[in-house]
Amino acid sequence: MSAPRSPKNPRRELGRGERVLPGLWRLRLPLPWPGVPHGNAWALAAGSGVVLVDTGYHETGSLAQLERAMEQVNLRLEHVRLLVCTHAHSDHWGQAAPICDAAGCELWMHPNHAHGTRSVEDPDAALASRLEIGRQSGIPPAALERYAERFNRQMSSGIARVIEPQRELVDGVEVETDLGTWIAYETPGHAPSHVCLFQPERRLLISGDHVLGRISLYYDYGWTPDPVGEFLHSLDVVGRLDARLGLSGHGRPYVDVAGHVEGSRRLVGQRLEALLAALNEQPRTPLELAPAVHGEPLTDQNAPRLLQETLCYLQHLEREERVVCEPDDEAPRWRAAS
């Protein structure tokens, strides 16, 4: 999951570790985002050590929280033989560099990770991209200026430093563990770099942020032509696996993976229908559409996420020739196709 970068939350959880199955541990790590208090990393027994899947968000004290969670299940950073990241959002690979430094292990991640690395390498470009999303959505210039001031004054990337993966985690790559072989499946949509891992004999799915126990949607806007279409196709990919236990990037393990896949697909459909219903009334900007699409008012905290998601739905419907963009000097408006 990717969220607007935010100042430190004074009330924070602590890292916690728990066994899910013999040879499989959940490491629950604190996050600084309102409404998203923690994320998961997963440790998989592998010979004399473990394969670590995902890393947590990097900030002051965060590596100690990972170590705390690992100690609770009798693991240490030096036990990590391989680091695998499901995607290049800061809460899933932000601590990759210090983990690899401490453990001397390799990093495997999908090669299409510029959406996560470029913002660290060029923060000015990252801010410019966010401001352009706001401009396209119809946010007034004064509000964008205030956002830019907060961005520059209070926010961190959540990434220790950029390192390149030693192996590209693409379709068919196998990860060997004591639980058996996990197979990588490319599942873009939530992020261009997203990959799920599936253990077929035990029917275990490490689903990252593609399918969550508590259904939630997010897409990276501007990096691929149609994130929503990619996400729906990726749901087909995961649905065919017939997994029985989902291990996601946030929340507890969940059963009924097929039901969660269908629930995600249904929620996409509901939001597309809500958007089209609003456009059937009159042309609107994304700023005007987002509350109708998501059923909640916009706030400083949720606006970047909800507007980006709304733009992705418009992009998807435009490719299907169901909506039309009407350019405007201030902000484009969208209307239903006649």
C-alpha atoms as a PDB file:
ATOM      1  CA  MET A   1       0.000   0.000   0.000  1.00  0.00           C
ATOM      2  CA  SER A   2       1.211   3.471  -0.792  1.00  0.00           C
ATOM      3  CA  ALA A   3      -0.051   6.500   1.103  1.00  0.00           C
ATOM      4  CA  PRO A   4       0.706  10.200   1.161  1.00  0.00           C
ATOM      5  CA  ARG A   5       3.910  10.693   3.061  1.00  0.00           C
ATOM      6  CA  SER A   6       3.073  12.137   6.447  1.00  0.00           C
ATOM      7  CA  PRO A   7       4.588  13.546   9.603  1.00  0.00           C
ATOM      8  CA  LYS A   8       5.304  11.257  12.516  1.00  0.00           C
ATOM      9  CA  ASN A   9       2.341   9.918  14.416  1.00  0.00           C
ATOM     10  CA  PRO A  10       2.956  10.460  18.145  1.00  0.00           C
ATOM     11  CA  ARG A  11       1.014   7.319  19.089  1.00  0.00           C
ATOM     12  CA  ARG A  12       2.698   4.355  17.469  1.00  0.00           C
ATOM     13  CA  GLU A  13       2.487   0.599  17.720  1.00  0.00           C
ATOM     14  CA  LEU A  14       5.487  -1.606  18.414  1.00  0.00           C
ATOM     15  CA  GLY A  15       6.870  -4.352  16.210  1.00  0.00           C
ATOM     16  CA  ARG A  16       5.322  -7.736  16.958  1.00  0.00           C
ATOM     17  CA  GLY A  17       6.130 -11.245  15.776  1.00  0.00           C
ATOM     18  CA  GLU A  18       3.876 -14.309  15.748  1.00  0.00           C
ATOM     19  CA  ARG A  19       3.931 -17.792  14.285  1.00  0.00           C
ATOM     20  CA  VAL A  20       1.268 -18.496  11.676  1.00  0.00           C
ATOM     21  CA  LEU A  21       2.356 -22.024  10.744  1.00  0.00           C
ATOM     22  CA  PRO A  22       5.452 -24.059  11.523  1.00  0.00           C
ATOM     23  CA  GLY A  23       8.168 -22.321   9.516  1.00  0.00           C
ATOM     24  CA  LEU A  24       6.066 -19.227   8.742  1.00  0.00           C
ATOM     25  CA  TRP A  25       5.992 -16.058  10.851  1.00  0.00           C
ATOM     26  CA  ARG A  26       4.140 -12.763  10.597  1.00  0.00           C
ATOM     27  CA  LEU A  27       6.166  -9.675  11.521  1.00  0.00           C
ATOM     28  CA  ARG A  28       3.801  -6.793  12.235  1.00  0.00           C
ATOM     29  CA  LEU A  29       5.605  -3.462  11.809  1.00  0.00           C
ATOM     30  CA  PRO A  30       4.393   0.050  12.713  1.00  0.00           C
ATOM     31  CA  LEU A  31       3.549   2.605  10.037  1.00  0.00           C
ATOM     32  CA  PRO A  32       3.244   6.406  10.355  1.00  0.00           C
ATOM     33  CA  TRP A  33       0.019   6.732   8.348  1.00  0.00           C
ATOM     34  CA  PRO A  34      -3.369   7.657   9.837  1.00  0.00           C
ATOM     35  CA  GLY A  35      -5.739   4.738   9.391  1.00  0.00           C
ATOM     36  CA  VAL A  36      -2.933   2.331   8.433  1.00  0.00           C
ATOM     37  CA  PRO A  37      -1.152   1.649  11.745  1.00  0.00           C
ATOM     38  CA  HIS A  38       0.928  -1.318  10.667  1.00  0.00           C
ATOM     39  CA  GLY A  39       2.103  -3.487   7.780  1.00  0.00           C
ATOM     40  CA  ASN A  40       3.359  -7.041   7.520  1.00  0.00           C
ATOM     41  CA  ALA A  41       6.596  -8.714   6.619  1.00  0.00           C
ATOM     42  CA  TRP A  42       6.723 -12.504   6.419  1.00  0.00           C
ATOM     43  CA  ALA A  43       9.578 -14.793   7.467  1.00  0.00           C
ATOM     44  CA  LEU A  44       9.795 -18.228   5.822  1.00  0.00           C
ATOM     45  CA  ALA A  45      12.086 -20.901   7.221  1.00  0.00           C
ATOM     46  CA  ALA A  46      14.832 -21.827   4.750  1.00  0.00           C
ATOM     47  CA  GLY A  47      17.546 -24.172   6.004  1.00  0.00           C
ATOM     48  CA  SER A  48      19.644 -22.442   8.647  1.00  0.00           C
ATOM     49  CA  GLY A  49      17.926 -19.106   8.087  1.00  0.00           C
ATOM     50  CA  VAL A  50      14.847 -17.464   6.614  1.00  0.00           C
ATOM     51  CA  VAL A  51      13.564 -15.832   3.471  1.00  0.00           C
ATOM     52  CA  LEU A  52      12.162 -12.441   4.446  1.00  0.00           C
ATOM     53  CA  VAL A  53       9.283 -11.146   2.333  1.00  0.00           C
ATOM     54  CA  ASP A  54       8.904  -7.347   2.566  1.00  0.00           C
ATOM     55  CA  THR A  55      10.639  -4.964   4.919  1.00  0.00           C
ATOM     56  CA  GLY A  56       8.487  -2.290   6.528  1.00  0.00           C
ATOM     57  CA  TYR A  57       8.768   1.487   6.201  1.00  0.00           C
ATOM     58  CA  HIS A  58      12.102   3.157   6.989  1.00  0.00           C
ATOM     59  CA  GLU A  59      12.309   5.958   9.537  1.00  0.00           C
ATOM     60  CA  THR A  60      14.135   6.619  12.787  1.00  0.00           C
ATOM     61  CA  GLY A  61      13.902   3.496  14.957  1.00  0.00           C
ATOM     62  CA  SER A  62      12.132   1.361  12.349  1.00  0.00           C
ATOM     63  CA  LEU A  63      14.915  -1.207  11.966  1.00  0.00           C
ATOM     64  CA  ALA A  64      14.825  -1.738  15.736  1.00  0.00           C
ATOM     65  CA  GLN A  65      11.076  -2.447  15.422  1.00  0.00           C
ATOM     66  CA  LEU A  66      11.798  -5.116  12.804  1.00  0.00           C
ATOM     67  CA  GLU A  67      14.461  -6.622  15.044  1.00  0.00           C
ATOM     68  CA  ARG A  68      12.033  -6.548  17.974  1.00  0.00           C
ATOM     69  CA  ALA A  69       9.400  -8.422  15.966  1.00  0.00           C
ATOM     70  CA  MET A  70      11.959 -11.000  14.826  1.00  0.00           C
ATOM     71  CA  GLU A  71      13.302 -11.519  18.352  1.00  0.00           C
ATOM     72  CA  GLN A  72       9.800 -12.403  19.550  1.00  0.00           C
ATOM     73  CA  VAL A  73       9.895 -15.457  17.262  1.00  0.00           C
ATOM     74  CA  ASN A  74      13.576 -16.248  17.954  1.00  0.00           C
ATOM     75  CA  LEU A  75      14.886 -14.757  14.706  1.00  0.00           C
ATOM     76  CA  ARG A  76      17.547 -12.139  13.978  1.00  0.00           C
ATOM     77  CA  LEU A  77      18.474 -10.046  10.967  1.00  0.00           C
ATOM     78  CA  GLU A  78      21.564 -12.176  10.347  1.00  0.00           C
ATOM     79  CA  HIS A  79      19.231 -15.149   9.782  1.00  0.00           C
ATOM     80  CA  VAL A  80      17.923 -13.541   6.566  1.00  0.00           C
ATOM     81  CA  ARG A  81      19.337 -15.519   3.620  1.00  0.00           C
ATOM     82  CA  LEU A  82      17.228 -13.779   0.965  1.00  0.00           C
ATOM     83  CA  LEU A  83      15.040 -10.663   0.874  1.00  0.00           C
ATOM     84  CA  VAL A  84      12.051 -10.686  -1.491  1.00  0.00           C
ATOM     85  CA  CYS A  85       9.839  -7.620  -1.970  1.00  0.00           C
ATOM     86  CA  THR A  86       6.299  -7.909  -3.312  1.00  0.00           C
ATOM     87  CA  HIS A  87       6.453  -4.357  -4.719  1.00  0.00           C
ATOM     88  CA  ALA A  88       8.308  -1.056  -4.530  1.00  0.00           C
ATOM     89  CA  HIS A  89       6.094   0.889  -2.136  1.00  0.00           C
ATOM     90  CA  SER A  90       7.937   2.314   0.839  1.00  0.00           C
ATOM     91  CA  ASP A  91       6.230   0.100   3.429  1.00  0.00           C
ATOM     92  CA  HIS A  92       7.289  -3.017   1.501  1.00  0.00           C
ATOM     93  CA  TRP A  93      10.870  -2.265   0.488  1.00  0.00           C
ATOM     94  CA  GLY A  94      11.846   0.880   2.423  1.00  0.00           C
ATOM     95  CA  GLN A  95      14.254  -0.988   4.706  1.00  0.00           C
ATOM     96  CA  ALA A  96      15.762  -3.176   1.994  1.00  0.00           C
ATOM     97  CA  ALA A  97      19.176  -1.486   2.075  1.00  0.00           C
ATOM     98  CA  PRO A  98      19.880  -1.809   5.831  1.00  0.00           C
ATOM     99  CA  ILE A  99      18.523  -5.361   5.892  1.00  0.00           C
ATOM    100  CA  CYS A 100      20.808  -6.409   3.043  1.00  0.00           C
ATOM    101  CA  ASP A 101      23.705  -4.588   4.725  1.00  0.00           C
ATOM    102  CA  ALA A 102      23.140  -6.390   8.022  1.00  0.00           C
ATOM    103  CA  ALA A 103      22.421  -9.851   6.605  1.00  0.00           C
ATOM    104  CA  GLY A 104      24.669  -9.828   3.536  1.00  0.00           C
ATOM    105  CA  CYS A 105      21.745 -11.205   1.518  1.00  0.00           C
ATOM    106  CA  GLU A 106      20.414 -10.605  -1.979  1.00  0.00           C
ATOM    107  CA  LEU A 107      17.337  -8.547  -2.839  1.00  0.00           C
ATOM    108  CA  TRP A 108      14.843  -9.893  -5.383  1.00  0.00           C
ATOM    109  CA  MET A 109      12.207  -7.494  -6.729  1.00  0.00           C
ATOM    110  CA  HIS A 110      10.347  -6.798  -9.957  1.00  0.00           C
ATOM    111  CA  PRO A 111      12.371  -4.656 -12.413  1.00  0.00           C
ATOM    112  CA  ASN A 112       9.535  -2.193 -13.125  1.00  0.00           C
ATOM    113  CA  HIS A 113      10.191  -0.338  -9.882  1.00  0.00           C
ATOM    114  CA  ALA A 114      10.722   3.257 -11.067  1.00  0.00           C
ATOM    115  CA  HIS A 115       7.415   4.261  -9.460  1.00  0.00           C
ATOM    116  CA  GLY A 116       9.065   3.579  -6.098  1.00  0.00           C
ATOM    117  CA  THR A 117      12.673   4.542  -6.722  1.00  0.00           C
ATOM    118  CA  ARG A 118      12.423   7.707  -8.797  1.00  0.00           C
ATOM    119  CA  SER A 119      10.764   9.708  -6.029  1.00  0.00           C
ATOM    120  CA  VAL A 120      13.773   9.094  -3.785  1.00  0.00           C
ATOM    121  CA  GLU A 121      16.294   9.863  -6.484  1.00  0.00           C
ATOM    122  CA  ASP A 122      14.442  13.021  -7.595  1.00  0.00           C
ATOM    123  CA  PRO A 123      12.088  14.341  -4.869  1.00  0.00           C
ATOM    124  CA  ASP A 124      11.422  17.544  -6.814  1.00  0.00           C
ATOM    125  CA  ALA A 125      10.042  15.497  -9.689  1.00  0.00           C
ATOM    126  CA  ALA A 126       7.943  13.484  -7.243  1.00  0.00           C
ATOM    127  CA  LEU A 127       6.411  16.652  -5.835  1.00  0.00           C
ATOM    128  CA  ALA A 128       5.804  17.999  -9.339  1.00  0.00           C
ATOM    129  CA  SER A 129       3.963  14.786 -10.227  1.00  0.00           C
ATOM    130  CA  ARG A 130       1.748  15.035  -7.151  1.00  0.00           C
ATOM    131  CA  LEU A 131       0.954  18.669  -7.910  1.00  0.00           C
ATOM    132  CA  GLU A 132       0.068  17.780 -11.498  1.00  0.00           C
ATOM    133  CA  ILE A 133      -2.349  15.120 -10.253  1.00  0.00           C
ATOM    134  CA  GLY A 134      -3.929  17.789  -8.074  1.00  0.00           C
ATOM    135  CA  ARG A 135      -4.127  20.261 -10.953  1.00  0.00           C
ATOM    136  CA  GLN A 136      -5.740  17.666 -13.240  1.00  0.00           C
ATOM    137  CA  SER A 137      -8.219  16.922 -10.462  1.00  0.00           C
ATOM    138  CA  GLY A 138      -9.353  20.537 -10.125  1.00  0.00           C
ATOM    139  CA  ILE A 139      -7.686  21.450  -6.814  1.00  0.00           C
ATOM    140  CA  PRO A 140      -7.299  25.264  -6.514  1.00  0.00           C
ATOM    141  CA  PRO A 141      -3.732  26.614  -6.873  1.00  0.00           C
ATOM    142  CA  ALA A 142      -3.691  27.983  -3.309  1.00  0.00           C
ATOM    143  CA  ALA A 143      -4.438  24.524  -1.908  1.00  0.00           C
ATOM    144  CA  LEU A 144      -1.683  23.003  -4.033  1.00  0.00           C
ATOM    145  CA  GLU A 145       0.779  25.577  -2.681  1.00  0.00           C
ATOM    146  CA  ARG A 146      -0.131  24.613   0.890  1.00  0.00           C
ATOM    147  CA  TYR A 147       0.328  20.942   0.043  1.00  0.00           C
ATOM    148  CA  ALA A 148       3.777  21.637  -1.431  1.00  0.00           C
ATOM    149  CA  GLU A 149       4.807  23.469   1.731  1.00  0.00           C
ATOM    150  CA  ARG A 150       3.738  20.534   3.923  1.00  0.00           C
ATOM    151  CA  PHE A 151       5.446  18.067   1.604  1.00  0.00           C
ATOM    152  CA  ASN A 152       8.764  19.874   1.810  1.00  0.00           C
ATOM    153  CA  ARG A 153       8.566  20.670   5.517  1.00  0.00           C
ATOM    154  CA  GLN A 154       7.283  17.513   7.163  1.00  0.00           C
ATOM    155  CA  MET A 155       7.589  14.444   5.010  1.00  0.00           C
ATOM    156  CA  SER A 156      10.099  11.669   4.453  1.00  0.00           C
ATOM    157  CA  SER A 157      10.277   9.058   1.709  1.00  0.00           C
ATOM    158  CA  GLY A 158      10.208   5.994   3.971  1.00  0.00           C
ATOM    159  CA  ILE A 159      13.105   4.514   2.001  1.00  0.00           C
ATOM    160  CA  ALA A 160      16.566   4.169   3.545  1.00  0.00           C
ATOM    161  CA  ARG A 161      18.331   4.345   0.187  1.00  0.00           C
ATOM    162  CA  VAL A 162      17.802   2.969  -3.285  1.00  0.00           C
ATOM    163  CA  ILE A 163      19.444  -0.357  -4.088  1.00  0.00           C
ATOM    164  CA  GLU A 164      18.932  -2.419  -7.224  1.00  0.00           C
ATOM    165  CA  PRO A 165      17.711  -6.011  -6.925  1.00  0.00           C
ATOM    166  CA  GLN A 166      20.227  -8.743  -7.685  1.00  0.00           C
ATOM    167  CA  ARG A 167      17.491 -10.782  -9.400  1.00  0.00           C
ATOM    168  CA  GLU A 168      14.370  -9.724 -11.253  1.00  0.00           C
ATOM    169  CA  LEU A 169      11.273 -11.160  -9.596  1.00  0.00           C
ATOM    170  CA  VAL A 170       9.111 -11.968 -12.610  1.00  0.00           C
ATOM    171  CA  ASP A 171       6.657 -14.694 -13.619  1.00  0.00           C
ATOM    172  CA  GLY A 172       7.885 -18.163 -12.776  1.00  0.00           C
ATOM    173  CA  VAL A 173      10.802 -17.242 -10.504  1.00  0.00           C
ATOM    174  CA  GLU A 174      10.977 -19.798  -7.683  1.00  0.00           C
ATOM    175  CA  VAL A 175      11.811 -19.127  -4.037  1.00  0.00           C
ATOM    176  CA  GLU A 176      12.929 -22.208  -2.114  1.00  0.00           C
ATOM    177  CA  THR A 177      11.921 -22.597   1.551  1.00  0.00           C
ATOM    178  CA  ASP A 178      11.313 -25.362   4.074  1.00  0.00           C
ATOM    179  CA  LEU A 179       7.591 -25.022   3.304  1.00  0.00           C
ATOM    180  CA  GLY A 180       8.301 -25.850  -0.328  1.00  0.00           C
ATOM    181  CA  THR A 181       8.796 -23.820  -3.480  1.00  0.00           C
ATOM    182  CA  TRP A 182       6.993 -20.496  -3.842  1.00  0.00           C
ATOM    183  CA  ILE A 183       6.284 -19.346  -7.403  1.00  0.00           C
ATOM    184  CA  ALA A 184       6.199 -15.687  -8.404  1.00  0.00           C
ATOM    185  CA  TYR A 185       3.214 -14.332 -10.346  1.00  0.00           C
ATOM    186  CA  GLU A 186       3.288 -10.810 -11.768  1.00  0.00           C
ATOM    187  CA  THR A 187       0.185  -8.974 -10.547  1.00  0.00           C
ATOM    188  CA  PRO A 188       0.413  -5.298 -11.578  1.00  0.00           C
ATOM    189  CA  GLY A 189      -2.382  -2.835 -10.876  1.00  0.00           C
ATOM    190  CA  HIS A 190      -1.864  -1.762  -7.284  1.00  0.00           C
ATOM    191  CA  ALA A 191       1.704  -1.023  -8.396  1.00  0.00           C
ATOM    192  CA  PRO A 192       3.586  -1.714 -11.648  1.00  0.00           C
ATOM    193  CA  SER A 193       6.110  -3.802  -9.698  1.00  0.00           C
ATOM    194  CA  HIS A 194       3.603  -5.950  -7.813  1.00  0.00           C
ATOM    195  CA  VAL A 195       4.231  -9.689  -7.503  1.00  0.00           C
ATOM    196  CA  CYS A 196       2.416 -12.376  -5.498  1.00  0.00           C
ATOM    197  CA  LEU A 197       4.062 -15.581  -4.247  1.00  0.00           C
ATOM    198  CA  PHE A 198       2.169 -18.886  -4.258  1.00  0.00           C
ATOM    199  CA  GLN A 199       3.029 -22.187  -2.583  1.00  0.00           C
ATOM    200  CA  PRO A 200       0.910 -24.700  -4.520  1.00  0.00           C
ATOM    201  CA  GLU A 201       1.083 -27.813  -2.298  1.00  0.00           C
ATOM    202  CA  ARG A 202      -0.036 -25.900   0.801  1.00  0.00           C
ATOM    203  CA  ARG A 203      -2.106 -23.408  -1.235  1.00  0.00           C
ATOM    204  CA  LEU A 204      -0.550 -20.420   0.512  1.00  0.00           C
ATOM    205  CA  LEU A 205      -0.612 -16.984  -1.127  1.00  0.00           C
ATOM    206  CA  ILE A 206       1.593 -14.062  -0.126  1.00  0.00           C
ATOM    207  CA  SER A 207      -0.611 -11.447  -1.729  1.00  0.00           C
ATOM    208  CA  GLY A 208       1.190  -8.208  -0.842  1.00  0.00           C
ATOM    209  CA  ASP A 209      -1.311  -5.384  -1.361  1.00  0.00           C
ATOM    210  CA  HIS A 210      -3.015  -6.966  -4.371  1.00  0.00           C
ATOM    211  CA  VAL A 211      -5.646  -8.795  -2.303  1.00  0.00           C
ATOM    212  CA  LEU A 212      -6.096  -7.726   1.313  1.00  0.00           C
ATOM    213  CA  GLY A 213      -8.013  -9.336   4.151  1.00  0.00           C
ATOM    214  CA  ARG A 214      -9.917  -6.073   4.569  1.00  0.00           C
ATOM    215  CA  ILE A 215     -10.684  -5.179   0.970  1.00  0.00           C
ATOM    216  CA  SER A 216      -9.101  -1.884  -0.038  1.00  0.00           C
ATOM    217  CA  LEU A 217      -8.056  -0.412  -3.377  1.00  0.00           C
ATOM    218  CA  TYR A 218      -5.150   1.755  -4.456  1.00  0.00           C
ATOM    219  CA  TYR A 219      -3.398   2.239  -7.810  1.00  0.00           C
ATOM    220  CA  ASP A 220      -0.249   4.088  -8.842  1.00  0.00           C
ATOM    221  CA  TYR A 221      -1.392   6.707 -11.359  1.00  0.00           C
ATOM    222  CA  GLY A 222       0.707   7.823 -14.316  1.00  0.00           C
ATOM    223  CA  TRP A 223       3.131   4.902 -14.639  1.00  0.00           C
ATOM    224  CA  THR A 224       1.135   2.553 -16.882  1.00  0.00           C
ATOM    225  CA  PRO A 225      -1.723   3.128 -19.358  1.00  0.00           C
ATOM    226  CA  ASP A 226      -4.472   1.396 -17.348  1.00  0.00           C
ATOM    227  CA  PRO A 227      -3.787   0.377 -13.721  1.00  0.00           C
ATOM    228  CA  VAL A 228      -7.430  -0.584 -13.148  1.00  0.00           C
ATOM    229  CA  GLY A 229      -7.464  -2.928 -16.138  1.00  0.00           C
ATOM    230  CA  GLU A 230      -4.157  -4.413 -14.984  1.00  0.00           C
ATOM    231  CA  PHE A 231      -5.562  -4.916 -11.486  1.00  0.00           C
ATOM    232  CA  LEU A 232      -8.647  -6.733 -12.805  1.00  0.00           C
ATOM    233  CA  HIS A 233      -6.479  -9.008 -14.955  1.00  0.00           C
ATOM    234  CA  SER A 234      -4.249  -9.712 -11.954  1.00  0.00           C
ATOM    235  CA  LEU A 235      -7.335 -10.745  -9.975  1.00  0.00           C
ATOM    236  CA  ASP A 236      -7.949 -13.350 -12.694  1.00  0.00           C
ATOM    237  CA  VAL A 237      -4.369 -14.590 -12.297  1.00  0.00           C
ATOM    238  CA  VAL A 238      -4.692 -14.999  -8.534  1.00  0.00           C
ATOM    239  CA  GLY A 239      -8.202 -16.434  -8.766  1.00  0.00           C
ATOM    240  CA  ARG A 240      -6.974 -19.325 -10.897  1.00  0.00           C
ATOM    241  CA  LEU A 241      -4.448 -20.362  -8.230  1.00  0.00           C
ATOM    242  CA  ASP A 242      -7.111 -21.680  -5.832  1.00  0.00           C
ATOM    243  CA  ALA A 243      -5.272 -20.466  -2.725  1.00  0.00           C
ATOM    244  CA  ARG A 244      -6.818 -21.255   0.654  1.00  0.00           C
ATOM    245  CA  LEU A 245      -4.849 -18.949   2.994  1.00  0.00           C
ATOM    246  CA  GLY A 246      -3.928 -15.364   2.146  1.00  0.00           C
ATOM    247  CA  LEU A 247      -0.946 -13.614   3.734  1.00  0.00           C
ATOM    248  CA  SER A 248      -1.279  -9.953   2.821  1.00  0.00           C
ATOM    249  CA  GLY A 249       0.711  -6.784   3.370  1.00  0.00           C
ATOM    250  CA  HIS A 250      -1.699  -5.461   6.004  1.00  0.00           C
ATOM    251  CA  GLY A 251      -3.925  -7.205   8.518  1.00  0.00           C
ATOM    252  CA  ARG A 252      -4.232 -10.782   9.674  1.00  0.00           C
ATOM    253  CA  PRO A 253      -4.020 -13.891   7.487  1.00  0.00           C
ATOM    254  CA  TYR A 254      -7.361 -14.566   5.822  1.00  0.00           C
ATOM    255  CA  VAL A 255      -9.197 -17.583   4.463  1.00  0.00           C
ATOM    256  CA  ASP A 256     -11.653 -17.607   1.543  1.00  0.00           C
ATOM    257  CA  VAL A 257      -9.136 -16.113  -0.871  1.00  0.00           C
ATOM    258  CA  ALA A 258     -11.596 -16.619  -3.736  1.00  0.00           C
ATOM    259  CA  GLY A 259     -14.196 -14.567  -1.863  1.00  0.00           C
ATOM    260  CA  HIS A 260     -11.698 -11.762  -1.316  1.00  0.00           C
ATOM    261  CA  VAL A 261     -10.754 -11.787  -4.998  1.00  0.00           C
ATOM    262  CA  GLU A 262     -14.414 -11.516  -5.954  1.00  0.00           C
ATOM    263  CA  GLY A 263     -14.976  -8.829  -3.321  1.00  0.00           C
ATOM    264  CA  SER A 264     -12.164  -6.762  -4.795  1.00  0.00           C
ATOM    265  CA  ARG A 265     -13.607  -7.126  -8.276  1.00  0.00           C
ATOM    266  CA  ARG A 266     -17.067  -6.167  -7.019  1.00  0.00           C
ATOM    267  CA  LEU A 267     -15.735  -3.026  -5.304  1.00  0.00           C
ATOM    268  CA  VAL A 268     -14.026  -1.913  -8.529  1.00  0.00           C
ATOM    269  CA  GLY A 269     -17.320  -2.386 -10.361  1.00  0.00           C
ATOM    270  CA  GLN A 270     -19.247  -0.400  -7.761  1.00  0.00           C
ATOM    271  CA  ARG A 271     -16.848   2.533  -7.988  1.00  0.00           C
ATOM    272  CA  LEU A 272     -16.929   2.552 -11.782  1.00  0.00           C
ATOM    273  CA  GLU A 273     -20.735   2.527 -11.695  1.00  0.00           C
ATOM    274  CA  ALA A 274     -20.802   5.372  -9.154  1.00  0.00           C
ATOM    275  CA  LEU A 275     -18.489   7.432 -11.337  1.00  0.00           C
ATOM    276  CA  LEU A 276     -20.580   6.870 -14.444  1.00  0.00           C
ATOM    277  CA  ALA A 277     -23.777   7.711 -12.571  1.00  0.00           C
ATOM    278  CA  ALA A 278     -22.268  11.027 -11.469  1.00  0.00           C
ATOM    279  CA  LEU A 279     -21.140  11.825 -15.015  1.00  0.00           C
ATOM    280  CA  ASN A 280     -24.584  11.034 -16.417  1.00  0.00           C
ATOM    281  CA  GLU A 281     -25.844  14.046 -14.448  1.00  0.00           C
ATOM    282  CA  GLN A 282     -23.286  16.538 -15.788  1.00  0.00           C
ATOM    283  CA  PRO A 283     -19.576  16.877 -16.663  1.00  0.00           C
ATOM    284  CA  ARG A 284     -17.368  16.988 -13.572  1.00  0.00           C
ATOM    285  CA  THR A 285     -13.770  17.302 -12.460  1.00  0.00           C
ATOM    286  CA  PRO A 286     -12.099  14.460 -10.521  1.00  0.00           C
ATOM    287  CA  LEU A 287     -12.312  16.714  -7.440  1.00  0.00           C
ATOM    288  CA  GLU A 288     -16.095  16.765  -7.842  1.00  0.00           C
ATOM    289  CA  LEU A 289     -16.295  13.063  -8.659  1.00  0.00           C
ATOM    290  CA  ALA A 290     -14.159  11.580  -5.881  1.00  0.00           C
ATOM    291  CA  PRO A 291     -16.673  11.947  -3.001  1.00  0.00           C
ATOM    292  CA  ALA A 292     -19.384  10.273  -5.085  1.00  0.00           C
ATOM    293  CA  VAL A 293     -17.076   7.469  -6.178  1.00  0.00           C
ATOM    294  CA  HIS A 294     -15.799   6.687  -2.671  1.00  0.00           C
ATOM    295  CA  GLY A 295     -18.790   7.644  -0.553  1.00  0.00           C
ATOM    296  CA  GLU A 296     -16.813   9.944   1.734  1.00  0.00           C
ATOM    297  CA  PRO A 297     -15.839  13.619   1.759  1.00  0.00           C
ATOM    298  CA  LEU A 298     -12.331  14.677   0.802  1.00  0.00           C
ATOM    299  CA  THR A 299      -9.901  15.701   3.542  1.00  0.00           C
ATOM    300  CA  ASP A 300      -6.264  16.783   3.548  1.00  0.00           C
ATOM    301  CA  GLN A 301      -5.368  13.222   4.573  1.00  0.00           C
ATOM    302  CA  ASN A 302      -7.377  11.196   2.049  1.00  0.00           C
ATOM    303  CA  ALA A 303      -7.478  13.555  -0.951  1.00  0.00           C
ATOM    304  CA  PRO A 304      -4.190  12.469  -2.606  1.00  0.00           C
ATOM    305  CA  ARG A 305      -5.198   8.801  -2.469  1.00  0.00           C
ATOM    306  CA  LEU A 306      -8.839   9.217  -3.499  1.00  0.00           C
ATOM    307  CA  LEU A 307      -8.105  11.630  -6.338  1.00  0.00           C
ATOM    308  CA  GLN A 308      -5.398   9.373  -7.730  1.00  0.00           C
ATOM    309  CA  GLU A 309      -7.760   6.403  -7.616  1.00  0.00           C
ATOM    310  CA  THR A 310     -10.500   8.436  -9.314  1.00  0.00           C
ATOM    311  CA  LEU A 311      -8.126   9.443 -12.119  1.00  0.00           C
ATOM    312  CA  CYS A 312      -7.287   5.774 -12.664  1.00  0.00           C
ATOM    313  CA  TYR A 313     -10.998   4.929 -13.041  1.00  0.00           C
ATOM    314  CA  LEU A 314     -11.413   7.745 -15.553  1.00  0.00           C
ATOM    315  CA  GLN A 315      -8.371   6.519 -17.448  1.00  0.00           C
ATOM    316  CA  HIS A 316      -9.826   3.001 -17.561  1.00  0.00           C
ATOM    317  CA  LEU A 317     -13.239   4.168 -18.756  1.00  0.00           C
ATOM    318  CA  GLU A 318     -11.677   6.434 -21.358  1.00  0.00           C
ATOM    319  CA  ARG A 319      -9.822   3.444 -22.827  1.00  0.00           C
ATOM    320  CA  GLU A 320     -13.183   1.660 -22.998  1.00  0.00           C
ATOM    321  CA  GLU A 321     -14.636   4.762 -24.749  1.00  0.00           C
ATOM    322  CA  ARG A 322     -17.236   5.220 -22.015  1.00  0.00           C
ATOM    323  CA  VAL A 323     -16.097   8.658 -20.891  1.00  0.00           C
ATOM    324  CA  VAL A 324     -14.559  11.665 -22.639  1.00  0.00           C
ATOM    325  CA  CYS A 325     -12.159  14.257 -21.275  1.00  0.00           C
ATOM    326  CA  GLU A 326     -12.953  17.889 -22.072  1.00  0.00           C
ATOM    327  CA  PRO A 327      -9.725  19.945 -21.756  1.00  0.00           C
ATOM    328  CA  ASP A 328      -9.880  23.177 -19.821  1.00  0.00           C
ATOM    329  CA  ASP A 329      -7.298  25.803 -18.938  1.00  0.00           C
ATOM    330  CA  GLU A 330      -8.024  25.446 -15.217  1.00  0.00           C
ATOM    331  CA  ALA A 331      -8.914  21.758 -14.865  1.00  0.00           C
ATOM    332  CA  PRO A 332     -10.204  19.145 -17.313  1.00  0.00           C
ATOM    333  CA  ARG A 333     -13.776  17.970 -16.952  1.00  0.00           C
ATOM    334  CA  TRP A 334     -15.060  14.551 -17.848  1.00  0.00           C
ATOM    335  CA  ARG A 335     -18.390  13.590 -19.348  1.00  0.00           C
ATOM    336  CA  ALA A 336     -20.114  10.354 -20.227  1.00  0.00           C
ATOM    337  CA  ALA A 337     -19.585   9.327 -23.853  1.00  0.00           C
ATOM    338  CA  SER A 338     -22.667   9.873 -26.007  1.00  0.00           C
END
